[in-house]
Amino acid sequence: MAQPLVRTETDAAPVKSGGRWPRRRSGPALPHPDRRSLPARVWKERSAYVFLMPGMLIFSVFTLAALVFAVYLTFHRWSIIEPDKPFVGLTNYRDMIHDERFIESVLNTIYFSGASVPLSMGTGLLLALLLNLPLRMRGLFRTAFYLPVVTPFVVSAILWKWLYNSDYGLFNHYLLQTRLIDDPLLWLSDKNLAMPAVVLMSVWAGTGFSMVVYLAGLQAIPRELYEAARIDGAGAWQRLRYVTIPSLRPTTLFLLVMGIISSLQVFTQIFVMTNGGPVNKTTTMVYYMYLWAFKYFDMGYASTLAFALFLMLLVFTALQLRLSRRESGAWAA
């Protein structure tokens, strides 16, 4: 005999009241917001603030206070060897705009960035593609190509300065032995060769970083995409063009932003190899800033140049991020 159907309270239909169906709550109730005052909440989490205090103190003294003081310096003729430090208003900014050497240093910096960043990224991508293949001893090759990155920049610059030496450098030696040149080249003394020589050294030092980042990006691409491309008849070039390169867009953007930020602050190789010469052909913005701070001892004008560099970095980064968002939206559409 069939048992009668018994309806429980949970089976009962919801009752409509006030024109709305009551919502059934699921899951734990949301925590009640803490309405206590700010000092009370800070006191409650006092142990966390105690641990944060050393870092906050260091940041406040060596970063925040230094930044505020640098802004203050830009409005003064602040010489570190003279007691008189007069207020000059916007004179430093006006002088910077009309400073021909500063404009030349900006052009030199753009030249260096435009040459070194694409070459480092392109060479790093090529090496990453090769070392992502199942080769023997590829771990050894990866280590060898990454060694220049962990080598101190001063050591690398001194090494390359020796290689560029016009009397006993290895570059001139082998070029003369192979009869590609008749006379030794003045790599770091020729105004047409000095900046390309510095760019070549920087590419050698920075390619390993691009290679490692691109390797990480390549290994994060799903294998299913390559398998689907092979099934559709795509060759190696088509897989590289339509699968690998588009999948590496975030990696490329990261390297582009980091590379431009680093190249706009180039200093060590300029200081060690050329001292800004010949005839200011390798004087970059940071090196020009260094001259005004520690050779001419005008900290006010040097701080003004530093803020010009900061504005330049900000504009380049914002432009790259904006272009990246547009490309990402077009790719998703």
Protein backbone atom coordinates (compact mmCIF):
# COMPACT_ATOMS: atom_id res chain seq x y z
CA MET A 1 0.00 0.00 0.00
CA ALA A 2 1.45 3.39 -1.00
CA GLN A 3 2.43 5.71 1.81
CA PRO A 4 0.83 9.14 1.79
CA LEU A 5 3.08 12.02 0.71
CA VAL A 6 3.97 14.18 3.68
CA ARG A 7 5.05 17.76 3.00
CA THR A 8 7.54 19.25 5.36
CA GLU A 9 8.19 22.91 6.07
CA THR A 10 11.10 22.94 3.66
CA ASP A 11 8.89 21.58 0.87
CA ALA A 12 6.28 24.23 1.37
CA ALA A 13 6.02 26.90 -1.29
CA PRO A 14 7.37 30.30 -0.31
CA VAL A 15 4.80 32.83 0.70
CA LYS A 16 4.72 36.03 -1.30
CA SER A 17 4.40 39.12 0.87
CA GLY A 18 4.65 42.74 -0.08
CA GLY A 19 4.99 41.96 -3.80
CA ARG A 20 8.34 40.18 -3.42
CA TRP A 21 9.40 36.60 -2.96
CA PRO A 22 11.55 36.19 0.12
CA ARG A 23 15.15 35.21 -0.70
CA ARG A 24 16.56 32.10 0.91
CA ARG A 25 19.91 32.71 2.49
CA SER A 26 22.65 30.24 1.75
CA GLY A 27 26.05 29.92 3.38
CA PRO A 28 27.35 31.63 6.50
CA ALA A 29 26.15 35.05 7.44
CA LEU A 30 28.31 37.99 6.45
CA PRO A 31 30.40 39.43 9.27
CA HIS A 32 29.11 42.61 10.79
CA PRO A 33 31.24 45.60 9.77
CA ASP A 34 33.52 46.93 12.44
CA ARG A 35 32.06 50.30 13.42
CA ARG A 36 34.65 51.12 16.01
CA SER A 37 36.77 54.24 15.71
CA LEU A 38 40.06 54.24 13.84
CA PRO A 39 42.24 54.44 16.97
CA ALA A 40 40.37 51.46 18.43
CA ARG A 41 40.93 49.41 15.29
CA VAL A 42 44.60 50.39 15.19
CA TRP A 43 44.97 49.36 18.83
CA LYS A 44 43.30 46.04 18.09
CA GLU A 45 45.87 45.31 15.35
CA ARG A 46 48.79 46.88 17.22
CA SER A 47 51.02 43.83 16.83
CA ALA A 48 50.82 44.09 13.02
CA TYR A 49 51.73 47.79 13.11
CA VAL A 50 54.68 47.05 15.36
CA PHE A 51 56.10 44.69 12.73
CA LEU A 52 55.36 47.20 9.95
CA MET A 53 56.93 50.12 11.79
CA PRO A 54 60.63 49.51 10.82
CA GLY A 55 59.81 49.29 7.13
CA MET A 56 57.48 52.30 7.28
CA LEU A 57 60.14 54.30 9.13
CA ILE A 58 62.85 53.45 6.58
CA PHE A 59 60.52 54.27 3.69
CA SER A 60 59.48 57.57 5.28
CA VAL A 61 63.04 58.74 5.95
CA PHE A 62 64.93 57.50 2.88
CA THR A 63 62.18 57.69 0.23
CA LEU A 64 59.30 59.96 1.17
CA ALA A 65 61.33 62.61 2.99
CA ALA A 66 64.05 62.48 0.31
CA LEU A 67 61.43 62.99 -2.40
CA VAL A 68 59.92 65.98 -0.63
CA PHE A 69 63.38 67.47 -0.07
CA ALA A 70 64.25 66.93 -3.76
CA VAL A 71 61.17 68.93 -4.73
CA TYR A 72 62.31 71.65 -2.36
CA LEU A 73 65.77 71.69 -3.95
CA THR A 74 64.38 72.34 -7.43
CA PHE A 75 63.33 75.82 -6.35
CA HIS A 76 66.78 76.78 -5.01
CA ARG A 77 70.28 77.35 -6.31
CA TRP A 78 71.60 74.71 -3.90
CA SER A 79 75.37 74.44 -4.06
CA ILE A 80 76.97 71.99 -1.67
CA ILE A 81 80.17 74.07 -1.41
CA GLU A 82 78.61 77.52 -0.92
CA PRO A 83 76.74 78.61 2.22
CA ASP A 84 74.29 80.81 0.30
CA LYS A 85 71.39 78.82 -1.15
CA PRO A 86 68.99 81.36 -2.64
CA PHE A 87 65.41 80.71 -3.68
CA VAL A 88 65.14 80.97 -7.49
CA GLY A 89 61.57 79.84 -8.12
CA LEU A 90 61.14 78.21 -11.52
CA THR A 91 64.54 79.32 -12.83
CA ASN A 92 65.94 75.77 -12.78
CA TYR A 93 63.03 74.51 -14.89
CA ARG A 94 63.42 77.38 -17.35
CA ASP A 95 67.16 76.77 -17.62
CA MET A 96 66.55 73.06 -18.20
CA ILE A 97 64.20 73.73 -21.11
CA HIS A 98 66.79 75.97 -22.82
CA ASP A 99 69.79 73.78 -21.95
CA GLU A 100 71.20 72.41 -25.23
CA ARG A 101 73.35 69.83 -23.46
CA PHE A 102 70.32 68.52 -21.62
CA ILE A 103 68.38 68.19 -24.88
CA GLU A 104 71.38 66.37 -26.37
CA SER A 105 71.46 64.02 -23.38
CA VAL A 106 67.75 63.27 -23.86
CA LEU A 107 68.36 62.41 -27.52
CA ASN A 108 71.33 60.23 -26.58
CA THR A 109 69.20 58.40 -24.00
CA ILE A 110 66.42 57.82 -26.52
CA TYR A 111 68.98 56.56 -29.04
CA PHE A 112 70.41 54.15 -26.48
CA SER A 113 66.96 52.88 -25.44
CA GLY A 114 65.70 52.54 -29.00
CA ALA A 115 68.72 50.45 -29.97
CA SER A 116 69.42 48.35 -26.86
CA VAL A 117 65.89 47.35 -25.80
CA PRO A 118 64.71 45.81 -29.13
CA LEU A 119 68.05 44.08 -29.66
CA SER A 120 68.05 42.59 -26.16
CA MET A 121 64.45 41.41 -26.47
CA GLY A 122 64.91 40.00 -29.97
CA THR A 123 68.10 38.17 -29.09
CA GLY A 124 66.55 36.90 -25.85
CA LEU A 125 63.51 35.57 -27.72
CA LEU A 126 65.70 33.79 -30.28
CA LEU A 127 67.79 32.16 -27.55
CA ALA A 128 64.66 31.19 -25.60
CA LEU A 129 63.16 29.51 -28.67
CA LEU A 130 66.38 27.56 -29.24
CA LEU A 131 66.89 26.58 -25.61
CA ASN A 132 63.25 25.53 -25.26
CA LEU A 133 63.97 22.68 -27.68
CA PRO A 134 64.98 19.25 -26.31
CA LEU A 135 68.72 19.86 -26.76
CA ARG A 136 71.55 18.18 -24.93
CA MET A 137 73.18 20.23 -22.16
CA ARG A 138 70.62 22.98 -22.58
CA GLY A 139 70.84 23.68 -18.84
CA LEU A 140 74.52 24.49 -19.30
CA PHE A 141 73.75 26.84 -22.19
CA ARG A 142 71.02 28.57 -20.19
CA THR A 143 73.46 29.15 -17.35
CA ALA A 144 76.15 30.44 -19.71
CA PHE A 145 73.82 32.94 -21.37
CA TYR A 146 72.49 34.11 -18.00
CA LEU A 147 75.93 34.66 -16.42
CA PRO A 148 76.31 38.25 -17.75
CA VAL A 149 73.13 39.22 -15.89
CA VAL A 150 74.54 38.26 -12.49
CA THR A 151 77.98 39.69 -13.27
CA PRO A 152 78.45 43.13 -11.64
CA PHE A 153 77.96 45.87 -14.21
CA VAL A 154 81.23 47.55 -13.29
CA VAL A 155 83.14 44.33 -13.96
CA SER A 156 81.37 43.86 -17.30
CA ALA A 157 82.09 47.46 -18.32
CA ILE A 158 85.80 47.14 -17.46
CA LEU A 159 85.99 43.86 -19.40
CA TRP A 160 84.39 45.38 -22.49
CA LYS A 161 86.54 48.49 -22.22
CA TRP A 162 89.55 46.19 -22.47
CA LEU A 163 88.02 44.39 -25.46
CA TYR A 164 87.48 47.76 -27.19
CA ASN A 165 91.02 49.00 -26.57
CA SER A 166 92.51 50.30 -29.80
CA ASP A 167 96.06 49.04 -29.06
CA TYR A 168 95.61 45.55 -27.59
CA GLY A 169 91.85 44.88 -27.61
CA LEU A 170 90.63 41.53 -28.94
CA PHE A 171 88.10 43.09 -31.30
CA ASN A 172 90.71 45.06 -33.25
CA HIS A 173 93.11 42.11 -33.10
CA TYR A 174 90.75 39.68 -34.81
CA LEU A 175 89.42 42.28 -37.24
CA LEU A 176 92.98 43.03 -38.32
CA GLN A 177 93.87 39.34 -38.51
CA THR A 178 90.91 38.65 -40.82
CA ARG A 179 91.76 41.82 -42.82
CA LEU A 180 88.29 43.25 -42.35
CA ILE A 181 89.92 46.54 -41.35
CA ASP A 182 93.26 48.11 -42.24
CA ASP A 183 93.72 50.31 -39.16
CA PRO A 184 92.61 49.81 -35.56
CA LEU A 185 89.20 51.23 -34.75
CA LEU A 186 88.85 53.77 -31.96
CA TRP A 187 85.74 52.18 -30.55
CA LEU A 188 85.24 54.44 -27.53
CA SER A 189 86.93 57.56 -28.95
CA ASP A 190 85.11 57.83 -32.26
CA LYS A 191 81.93 59.88 -32.04
CA ASN A 192 80.22 57.56 -34.53
CA LEU A 193 81.27 54.30 -32.80
CA ALA A 194 81.10 55.15 -29.09
CA MET A 195 77.36 54.82 -28.57
CA PRO A 196 77.02 51.65 -30.75
CA ALA A 197 79.87 50.13 -28.71
CA VAL A 198 78.05 50.89 -25.45
CA VAL A 199 74.80 49.51 -26.91
CA LEU A 200 76.53 46.26 -27.89
CA MET A 201 77.90 45.83 -24.39
CA SER A 202 74.45 46.51 -22.87
CA VAL A 203 72.78 44.00 -25.18
CA TRP A 204 75.31 41.37 -24.13
CA ALA A 205 74.63 42.11 -20.47
CA GLY A 206 70.83 42.19 -20.73
CA THR A 207 70.01 39.40 -23.18
CA GLY A 208 70.11 36.70 -20.49
CA PHE A 209 67.31 38.31 -18.52
CA SER A 210 65.06 38.50 -21.59
CA MET A 211 65.92 34.88 -22.40
CA VAL A 212 64.88 33.61 -18.95
CA VAL A 213 61.61 35.56 -18.94
CA TYR A 214 60.75 34.41 -22.46
CA LEU A 215 61.56 30.83 -21.45
CA ALA A 216 59.06 31.09 -18.62
CA GLY A 217 56.48 32.48 -21.04
CA LEU A 218 57.11 29.73 -23.58
CA GLN A 219 56.71 26.98 -20.99
CA ALA A 220 53.40 28.50 -19.86
CA ILE A 221 51.82 28.17 -23.33
CA PRO A 222 49.42 25.18 -23.38
CA ARG A 223 50.64 22.28 -25.50
CA GLU A 224 47.09 21.82 -26.81
CA LEU A 225 47.43 24.98 -28.90
CA TYR A 226 50.42 23.56 -30.77
CA GLU A 227 48.71 20.19 -31.22
CA ALA A 228 45.62 21.87 -32.66
CA ALA A 229 47.79 23.93 -35.00
CA ARG A 230 49.58 20.79 -36.23
CA ILE A 231 46.26 19.05 -36.87
CA ASP A 232 45.18 22.06 -38.93
CA GLY A 233 48.34 21.71 -41.01
CA ALA A 234 50.30 24.67 -39.60
CA GLY A 235 54.04 24.50 -40.10
CA ALA A 236 56.77 25.71 -37.75
CA TRP A 237 56.61 29.31 -39.01
CA GLN A 238 52.81 29.43 -38.76
CA ARG A 239 52.90 28.04 -35.21
CA LEU A 240 55.48 30.66 -34.26
CA ARG A 241 53.50 33.49 -35.85
CA TYR A 242 49.96 32.57 -34.82
CA VAL A 243 50.49 30.70 -31.54
CA THR A 244 53.81 31.57 -29.91
CA ILE A 245 54.07 35.31 -30.60
CA PRO A 246 50.45 36.17 -29.61
CA SER A 247 50.74 34.05 -26.45
CA LEU A 248 53.90 35.93 -25.46
CA ARG A 249 52.28 39.39 -25.61
CA PRO A 250 52.09 39.84 -21.80
CA THR A 251 55.71 38.71 -21.49
CA THR A 252 56.80 41.07 -24.25
CA LEU A 253 54.98 43.98 -22.61
CA PHE A 254 56.67 43.24 -19.27
CA LEU A 255 60.12 43.12 -20.87
CA LEU A 256 59.42 46.26 -22.89
CA VAL A 257 58.38 48.28 -19.85
CA MET A 258 61.24 47.01 -17.69
CA GLY A 259 63.76 47.44 -20.51
CA ILE A 260 62.79 51.05 -21.23
CA ILE A 261 62.79 51.96 -17.54
CA SER A 262 66.25 50.42 -17.14
CA SER A 263 67.70 51.91 -20.33
CA LEU A 264 66.50 55.42 -19.51
CA GLN A 265 68.53 55.17 -16.29
CA VAL A 266 71.73 53.95 -17.95
CA PHE A 267 74.79 55.21 -16.09
CA THR A 268 77.38 52.59 -15.10
CA GLN A 269 78.67 51.66 -18.55
CA ILE A 270 78.76 55.33 -19.57
CA PHE A 271 80.70 56.28 -16.45
CA VAL A 272 83.23 53.46 -16.75
CA MET A 273 83.71 53.24 -20.52
CA THR A 274 83.32 56.72 -22.04
CA ASN A 275 82.74 59.37 -19.33
CA GLY A 276 80.09 60.85 -21.59
CA GLY A 277 82.47 61.39 -24.51
CA PRO A 278 83.55 61.86 -27.12
CA VAL A 279 82.10 65.39 -27.49
CA ASN A 280 79.10 64.42 -25.33
CA LYS A 281 77.95 61.73 -27.78
CA THR A 282 77.35 59.25 -24.95
CA THR A 283 76.18 61.69 -22.27
CA THR A 284 72.84 60.32 -21.10
CA MET A 285 70.30 61.94 -18.78
CA VAL A 286 71.51 60.20 -15.63
CA TYR A 287 75.16 60.91 -16.42
CA TYR A 288 74.32 64.56 -17.09
CA MET A 289 72.50 64.62 -13.77
CA TYR A 290 75.59 63.17 -12.12
CA LEU A 291 77.77 65.90 -13.62
CA TRP A 292 75.60 68.66 -12.21
CA ALA A 293 75.39 67.02 -8.79
CA PHE A 294 78.99 65.87 -8.20
CA LYS A 295 81.09 67.88 -10.64
CA TYR A 296 79.34 71.26 -10.72
CA PHE A 297 77.89 70.73 -7.19
CA ASP A 298 74.48 72.22 -8.04
CA MET A 299 71.99 69.91 -6.33
CA GLY A 300 69.04 72.14 -7.23
CA TYR A 301 69.55 71.80 -10.97
CA ALA A 302 70.41 68.10 -10.62
CA SER A 303 67.13 67.51 -8.78
CA THR A 304 65.29 69.33 -11.57
CA LEU A 305 66.88 66.99 -14.11
CA ALA A 306 65.84 64.02 -11.95
CA PHE A 307 62.20 65.08 -12.05
CA ALA A 308 62.42 65.50 -15.82
CA LEU A 309 63.63 61.89 -16.02
CA PHE A 310 60.78 60.80 -13.75
CA LEU A 311 58.23 62.53 -15.99
CA MET A 312 59.77 60.87 -19.04
CA LEU A 313 59.55 57.44 -17.41
CA LEU A 314 55.95 58.08 -16.40
CA VAL A 315 54.91 59.10 -19.91
CA PHE A 316 56.60 56.11 -21.56
CA THR A 317 55.11 53.62 -19.11
CA ALA A 318 51.59 55.07 -19.34
CA LEU A 319 51.77 55.07 -23.15
CA GLN A 320 52.88 51.45 -23.27
CA LEU A 321 50.16 50.32 -20.86
CA ARG A 322 47.52 52.19 -22.87
CA LEU A 323 48.66 50.61 -26.13
CA SER A 324 48.72 47.22 -24.43
CA ARG A 325 45.10 47.59 -23.26
CA ARG A 326 44.02 48.53 -26.78
CA GLU A 327 45.77 45.53 -28.29
CA SER A 328 44.33 43.22 -25.63
CA GLY A 329 40.81 44.50 -26.33
CA ALA A 330 41.24 44.12 -30.08
CA TRP A 331 42.63 40.60 -29.63
CA ALA A 332 39.73 39.58 -27.36
CA ALA A 333 37.19 40.99 -29.84
